[in-house]
Amino acid sequence: MADIDTISKYLIQHYPDHFACFTLARDDVEVIEVIETEQPTIRARH
């Protein structure tokens, strides 16, 4: 599953217009901004 996630992130970051048109099955999509959604990983040690 991690491979698919990596590929999806790459496509969204480099080709956001094409990815949005493909996933929404529409040609009239305009991407205004790609929002960074990475969250830092915090691990608690007990």
C-alpha atoms as a PDB file:
ATOM      1  CA  MET A   1       0.000   0.000   0.000  1.00  0.00           C
ATOM      2  CA  ALA A   2       2.903   2.363   0.660  1.00  0.00           C
ATOM      3  CA  ASP A   3       3.958   2.106  -3.002  1.00  0.00           C
ATOM      4  CA  ILE A   4       0.551   3.327  -4.157  1.00  0.00           C
ATOM      5  CA  ASP A   5       0.672   6.184  -1.654  1.00  0.00           C
ATOM      6  CA  THR A   6       4.096   7.270  -2.907  1.00  0.00           C
ATOM      7  CA  ILE A   7       2.989   7.164  -6.547  1.00  0.00           C
ATOM      8  CA  SER A   8      -0.199   9.100  -5.769  1.00  0.00           C
ATOM      9  CA  LYS A   9       1.710  11.803  -3.900  1.00  0.00           C
ATOM     10  CA  TYR A  10       4.154  12.170  -6.798  1.00  0.00           C
ATOM     11  CA  LEU A  11       1.375  12.481  -9.390  1.00  0.00           C
ATOM     12  CA  ILE A  12      -0.615  14.970  -7.320  1.00  0.00           C
ATOM     13  CA  GLN A  13       2.425  17.162  -6.666  1.00  0.00           C
ATOM     14  CA  HIS A  14       3.780  17.139 -10.225  1.00  0.00           C
ATOM     15  CA  TYR A  15       0.588  16.909 -12.309  1.00  0.00           C
ATOM     16  CA  PRO A  16      -2.266  18.245 -10.139  1.00  0.00           C
ATOM     17  CA  ASP A  17      -4.468  19.369 -13.059  1.00  0.00           C
ATOM     18  CA  HIS A  18      -4.237  16.034 -14.862  1.00  0.00           C
ATOM     19  CA  PHE A  19      -4.756  14.058 -11.656  1.00  0.00           C
ATOM     20  CA  ALA A  20      -7.852  16.078 -10.689  1.00  0.00           C
ATOM     21  CA  CYS A  21      -9.358  15.754 -14.178  1.00  0.00           C
ATOM     22  CA  PHE A  22      -8.738  12.006 -14.175  1.00  0.00           C
ATOM     23  CA  THR A  23     -10.121  11.324 -10.691  1.00  0.00           C
ATOM     24  CA  LEU A  24     -13.186  13.551 -11.151  1.00  0.00           C
ATOM     25  CA  ALA A  25     -13.778  12.412 -14.755  1.00  0.00           C
ATOM     26  CA  ARG A  26     -14.170  16.038 -15.847  1.00  0.00           C
ATOM     27  CA  ASP A  27     -12.269  18.309 -18.204  1.00  0.00           C
ATOM     28  CA  ASP A  28     -13.259  21.634 -16.623  1.00  0.00           C
ATOM     29  CA  VAL A  29     -11.109  21.371 -13.471  1.00  0.00           C
ATOM     30  CA  GLU A  30      -8.740  24.134 -12.418  1.00  0.00           C
ATOM     31  CA  VAL A  31      -6.273  23.473  -9.611  1.00  0.00           C
ATOM     32  CA  ILE A  32      -5.525  26.653  -7.701  1.00  0.00           C
ATOM     33  CA  GLU A  33      -3.096  25.319  -5.108  1.00  0.00           C
ATOM     34  CA  VAL A  34      -1.708  22.001  -3.913  1.00  0.00           C
ATOM     35  CA  ILE A  35      -1.909  21.946  -0.115  1.00  0.00           C
ATOM     36  CA  GLU A  36       0.867  20.172   1.782  1.00  0.00           C
ATOM     37  CA  THR A  37      -0.769  17.646   4.096  1.00  0.00           C
ATOM     38  CA  GLU A  38       2.250  15.935   5.620  1.00  0.00           C
ATOM     39  CA  GLN A  39       2.006  15.720   9.378  1.00  0.00           C
ATOM     40  CA  PRO A  40       5.003  15.138  11.635  1.00  0.00           C
ATOM     41  CA  THR A  41       5.096  11.786  13.362  1.00  0.00           C
ATOM     42  CA  ILE A  42       5.279  12.018  17.129  1.00  0.00           C
ATOM     43  CA  ARG A  43       5.977   8.914  19.141  1.00  0.00           C
ATOM     44  CA  ALA A  44       5.537   8.770  22.886  1.00  0.00           C
ATOM     45  CA  ARG A  45       7.975   6.700  24.880  1.00  0.00           C
ATOM     46  CA  HIS A  46       6.851   5.144  28.109  1.00  0.00           C
END
